[in-house]
Amino acid sequence: MRKVTALLVCVALCRAVGAQSIAEQPARFAVATIKPSAADAAPVTQFRGNRFASEGTTFVDLFKYAYNVHPDQVVGGPEWLRTKKFDVLADPETEKRPSSDQMKALVRQLLAERFHVVMHQEQKVLPVYALVKTPDAPKLKKSTADPSGIPVAGYSPTGELQVGNATMGDFVRFLQRFVLDRPAVDQTGIEGKFDLVLKWTPDGVAGDAAAPPSLFTAVREQLGLKLQAVKAKTDVFVVERAEMPAEN
């Protein structure tokens, strides 16, 4: 049967990550609260010390963070998964802050336990953006941060994305999360961690001669890379059932 609980999917994907050490992290958050957000709350997801915190986030917002997917990769399920907003505060109660992968694994477990999701995973051909090399040398600044530290990002809807201590895979996930209208994949083959600043003029925004270029031109001019529109088989998660989490 293809039907599985989110818990089983979580376990399978946790094994696939490989970068995390199960022995070094708790299996779940020790304390976690989920409550409805204000209707007009802007979505925010952040770490507060060792804690995971989000405000104004839908189930799909939390899911795309935990599974590194675009909303287009979450299909089916009740409509409130995409419209109902929640505030989440979850504490693993550990002395050392979990790594980015470890925190995502904890959020996957939280979604499984509190939303009681039944879903299955399959592949569909979807429009995606592939980040690829160009004939020119990449213009990338190596990060001087602790290599074991988490990647960080700052985004402005006026057209600026700053990332720190990020791999190319992290970078495309941030682009996917904040900027792009479809899933994105890293096909550069570039290894290492980088600190990058990308500035562009969003579509539909009038700019003068000094304004940054469009997003795709900015990626090429400022980073020496290219975003290429392609179609590819992509993992999707088909939600068959989910329950509204109880307040606490």
Protein backbone atom coordinates (compact mmCIF):
# COMPACT_ATOMS: atom_id res chain seq x y z
CA MET A 1 0.00 0.00 0.00
CA ARG A 2 1.18 3.52 -0.77
CA LYS A 3 -0.79 5.03 2.09
CA VAL A 4 1.47 5.78 5.04
CA THR A 5 1.36 8.00 8.04
CA ALA A 6 3.48 11.13 8.17
CA LEU A 7 5.43 9.51 10.96
CA LEU A 8 6.58 6.70 8.67
CA VAL A 9 7.45 9.16 5.92
CA CYS A 10 9.37 11.19 8.46
CA VAL A 11 11.36 8.16 9.57
CA ALA A 12 12.22 7.25 5.98
CA LEU A 13 13.35 10.75 5.09
CA CYS A 14 15.31 11.15 8.30
CA ARG A 15 17.30 8.07 7.33
CA ALA A 16 17.85 9.50 3.87
CA VAL A 17 19.27 12.76 5.18
CA GLY A 18 22.30 10.95 6.57
CA ALA A 19 23.93 14.14 7.84
CA GLN A 20 22.27 14.05 11.21
CA SER A 21 23.22 11.86 14.14
CA ILE A 22 20.15 10.32 15.79
CA ALA A 23 22.11 9.70 18.95
CA GLU A 24 22.91 13.42 19.30
CA GLN A 25 19.38 14.78 19.04
CA PRO A 26 16.09 14.24 20.85
CA ALA A 27 13.45 12.22 19.02
CA ARG A 28 10.87 14.98 19.47
CA PHE A 29 10.40 18.40 21.01
CA ALA A 30 10.12 18.18 24.78
CA VAL A 31 7.59 21.02 24.87
CA ALA A 32 5.57 22.40 21.95
CA THR A 33 2.60 24.75 21.70
CA ILE A 34 0.47 25.35 18.60
CA LYS A 35 -2.23 28.01 18.61
CA PRO A 36 -4.18 29.98 15.98
CA SER A 37 -2.53 33.13 14.62
CA ALA A 38 -4.13 36.46 14.03
CA ALA A 39 -5.77 36.46 10.60
CA ASP A 40 -3.45 39.21 9.32
CA ALA A 41 -0.24 37.80 10.84
CA ALA A 42 2.74 37.85 8.48
CA PRO A 43 4.53 34.48 8.21
CA VAL A 44 7.79 34.31 10.17
CA THR A 45 9.92 31.23 10.90
CA GLN A 46 13.02 31.50 13.07
CA PHE A 47 15.21 29.97 15.77
CA ARG A 48 15.06 31.59 19.20
CA GLY A 49 18.06 30.16 20.96
CA ASN A 50 17.42 26.41 20.94
CA ARG A 51 13.73 26.86 20.16
CA PHE A 52 11.85 26.67 16.89
CA ALA A 53 9.33 29.49 16.52
CA SER A 54 6.90 30.48 13.81
CA GLU A 55 4.09 33.01 13.57
CA GLY A 56 1.38 33.33 10.95
CA THR A 57 2.38 30.05 9.31
CA THR A 58 0.06 27.58 7.63
CA PHE A 59 0.55 23.82 7.70
CA VAL A 60 1.99 24.08 4.19
CA ASP A 61 4.43 26.80 5.34
CA LEU A 62 5.65 24.51 8.13
CA PHE A 63 5.74 21.51 5.80
CA LYS A 64 7.81 23.27 3.15
CA TYR A 65 10.33 24.28 5.83
CA ALA A 66 10.53 20.79 7.34
CA TYR A 67 10.77 18.91 4.05
CA ASN A 68 12.62 21.47 1.90
CA VAL A 69 9.83 21.55 -0.69
CA HIS A 70 7.87 24.14 -2.63
CA PRO A 71 4.12 24.49 -1.93
CA ASP A 72 3.46 23.01 -5.39
CA GLN A 73 4.91 19.76 -4.03
CA VAL A 74 2.17 19.50 -1.38
CA VAL A 75 -1.10 18.41 -2.99
CA GLY A 76 -4.51 17.29 -1.76
CA GLY A 77 -5.85 17.51 1.77
CA PRO A 78 -8.38 19.96 3.24
CA GLU A 79 -8.19 23.61 2.19
CA TRP A 80 -7.34 24.83 5.72
CA LEU A 81 -3.87 23.33 5.31
CA ARG A 82 -3.14 26.33 3.07
CA THR A 83 -5.26 29.02 4.72
CA LYS A 84 -5.41 28.46 8.50
CA LYS A 85 -2.48 30.18 10.25
CA PHE A 86 -0.73 28.95 13.38
CA ASP A 87 1.84 30.20 15.90
CA VAL A 88 4.28 27.48 16.94
CA LEU A 89 6.79 27.52 19.78
CA ALA A 90 8.73 24.27 20.27
CA ASP A 91 11.62 23.58 22.61
CA PRO A 92 13.87 20.48 22.36
CA GLU A 93 15.27 21.37 25.82
CA THR A 94 18.85 20.61 24.82
CA GLU A 95 22.01 22.45 25.86
CA LYS A 96 23.27 22.59 22.27
CA ARG A 97 21.09 24.11 19.57
CA PRO A 98 20.10 21.49 16.99
CA SER A 99 21.59 21.81 13.53
CA SER A 100 19.37 22.91 10.66
CA ASP A 101 18.78 19.30 9.54
CA GLN A 102 18.08 18.20 13.11
CA MET A 103 15.58 21.02 13.66
CA LYS A 104 13.76 20.11 10.45
CA ALA A 105 13.56 16.48 11.58
CA LEU A 106 12.01 17.64 14.86
CA VAL A 107 9.45 19.76 12.99
CA ARG A 108 8.59 16.78 10.76
CA GLN A 109 7.92 14.73 13.90
CA LEU A 110 5.82 17.57 15.33
CA LEU A 111 3.68 17.72 12.21
CA ALA A 112 3.17 13.96 12.33
CA GLU A 113 2.12 13.95 15.98
CA ARG A 114 -0.04 17.05 16.11
CA PHE A 115 -1.71 17.17 12.68
CA HIS A 116 -2.18 13.36 12.34
CA VAL A 117 -1.45 13.48 8.63
CA VAL A 118 -2.09 10.53 6.34
CA MET A 119 -0.25 10.94 3.05
CA HIS A 120 1.86 9.23 0.46
CA GLN A 121 4.84 10.30 -1.60
CA GLU A 122 5.09 9.98 -5.37
CA GLN A 123 6.77 11.68 -8.32
CA LYS A 124 5.23 14.00 -10.88
CA VAL A 125 6.70 15.96 -13.75
CA LEU A 126 6.59 19.60 -12.67
CA PRO A 127 8.00 22.87 -13.98
CA VAL A 128 11.13 23.65 -11.94
CA TYR A 129 14.06 26.05 -12.00
CA ALA A 130 17.52 24.50 -12.15
CA LEU A 131 20.50 26.50 -10.87
CA VAL A 132 23.37 25.73 -13.24
CA LYS A 133 26.85 26.95 -14.09
CA THR A 134 27.55 29.27 -17.00
CA PRO A 135 30.70 29.44 -19.15
CA ASP A 136 31.90 32.22 -16.82
CA ALA A 137 33.54 31.60 -13.46
CA PRO A 138 31.10 31.71 -10.52
CA LYS A 139 31.21 34.84 -8.36
CA LEU A 140 30.83 33.28 -4.94
CA LYS A 141 32.22 34.39 -1.58
CA LYS A 142 33.37 31.56 0.67
CA SER A 143 31.83 31.69 4.13
CA THR A 144 34.11 32.23 7.13
CA ALA A 145 31.45 31.04 9.61
CA ASP A 146 31.65 27.80 11.57
CA PRO A 147 31.11 25.06 8.94
CA SER A 148 28.95 23.15 11.42
CA GLY A 149 26.69 26.16 11.92
CA ILE A 150 23.26 26.55 10.40
CA PRO A 151 22.63 28.40 7.12
CA VAL A 152 20.91 31.75 7.59
CA ALA A 153 18.94 34.00 5.27
CA GLY A 154 17.45 37.46 5.20
CA TYR A 155 14.85 38.36 2.57
CA SER A 156 13.21 41.60 1.51
CA PRO A 157 10.24 41.53 -0.89
CA THR A 158 11.66 44.70 -2.47
CA GLY A 159 14.25 42.42 -4.10
CA GLU A 160 17.12 41.35 -1.85
CA LEU A 161 18.20 37.96 -0.53
CA GLN A 162 21.19 37.57 1.78
CA VAL A 163 22.37 34.10 2.75
CA GLY A 164 25.17 33.07 5.06
CA ASN A 165 27.02 29.81 5.66
CA ALA A 166 24.95 28.25 2.89
CA THR A 167 25.63 25.53 0.35
CA MET A 168 24.32 25.89 -3.18
CA GLY A 169 21.54 23.51 -2.14
CA ASP A 170 20.68 25.81 0.77
CA PHE A 171 20.70 28.79 -1.58
CA VAL A 172 18.21 27.29 -4.05
CA ARG A 173 15.99 26.25 -1.15
CA PHE A 174 15.96 29.84 0.10
CA LEU A 175 15.17 31.05 -3.44
CA GLN A 176 12.41 28.45 -3.64
CA ARG A 177 11.07 29.40 -0.23
CA PHE A 178 11.06 33.18 -0.58
CA VAL A 179 11.24 34.14 -4.24
CA LEU A 180 10.42 31.59 -6.92
CA ASP A 181 6.99 30.48 -8.13
CA ARG A 182 8.02 26.85 -8.64
CA PRO A 183 10.38 24.24 -7.10
CA ALA A 184 14.12 24.73 -7.58
CA VAL A 185 17.03 22.30 -7.77
CA ASP A 186 20.79 22.74 -7.55
CA GLN A 187 22.60 21.37 -10.59
CA THR A 188 25.82 23.39 -10.21
CA GLY A 189 27.93 20.65 -8.62
CA ILE A 190 29.61 23.41 -6.57
CA GLU A 191 30.61 22.33 -3.07
CA GLY A 192 31.32 24.43 0.00
CA LYS A 193 29.50 27.09 2.00
CA PHE A 194 29.09 30.69 0.92
CA ASP A 195 27.93 34.15 2.01
CA LEU A 196 25.92 35.67 -0.84
CA VAL A 197 23.94 38.83 -1.52
CA LEU A 198 21.54 38.95 -4.46
CA LYS A 199 19.71 42.15 -5.43
CA TRP A 200 17.09 42.44 -8.16
CA THR A 201 14.03 44.43 -9.21
CA PRO A 202 10.86 42.31 -8.78
CA ASP A 203 8.53 41.90 -11.74
CA GLY A 204 5.99 44.68 -11.98
CA VAL A 205 8.10 47.15 -9.99
CA ALA A 206 9.19 50.24 -11.90
CA GLY A 207 12.84 51.13 -11.48
CA ASP A 208 15.16 53.82 -12.71
CA ALA A 209 18.44 53.34 -14.55
CA ALA A 210 20.24 52.65 -11.26
CA ALA A 211 17.82 49.92 -10.15
CA PRO A 212 19.04 46.31 -10.02
CA PRO A 213 18.22 44.05 -12.98
CA SER A 214 15.56 41.34 -13.09
CA LEU A 215 16.01 38.25 -10.94
CA PHE A 216 17.35 36.01 -13.70
CA THR A 217 19.79 38.66 -14.93
CA ALA A 218 20.90 39.37 -11.35
CA VAL A 219 21.70 35.68 -10.73
CA ARG A 220 23.90 35.65 -13.83
CA GLU A 221 25.59 39.02 -13.34
CA GLN A 222 26.06 38.94 -9.58
CA LEU A 223 26.72 35.22 -9.00
CA GLY A 224 27.95 34.00 -12.37
CA LEU A 225 25.23 31.31 -12.36
CA LYS A 226 21.98 30.76 -14.25
CA LEU A 227 18.40 29.88 -13.34
CA GLN A 228 17.05 27.68 -16.10
CA ALA A 229 13.36 26.77 -16.53
CA VAL A 230 12.97 23.03 -17.13
CA LYS A 231 10.52 20.21 -16.45
CA ALA A 232 11.65 17.35 -14.26
CA LYS A 233 10.33 14.49 -12.17
CA THR A 234 9.87 15.92 -8.72
CA ASP A 235 8.83 14.43 -5.39
CA VAL A 236 5.33 15.42 -4.29
CA PHE A 237 3.46 14.66 -1.07
CA VAL A 238 -0.22 13.77 -1.51
CA VAL A 239 -2.16 14.56 1.67
CA GLU A 240 -5.13 12.25 2.11
CA ARG A 241 -6.23 13.28 5.59
CA ALA A 242 -5.20 15.73 8.29
CA GLU A 243 -6.64 16.97 11.59
CA MET A 244 -6.65 20.43 13.07
CA PRO A 245 -4.17 20.44 15.99
CA ALA A 246 -5.60 20.80 19.48
CA GLU A 247 -4.71 24.07 21.21
CA ASN A 248 -2.48 23.91 24.26
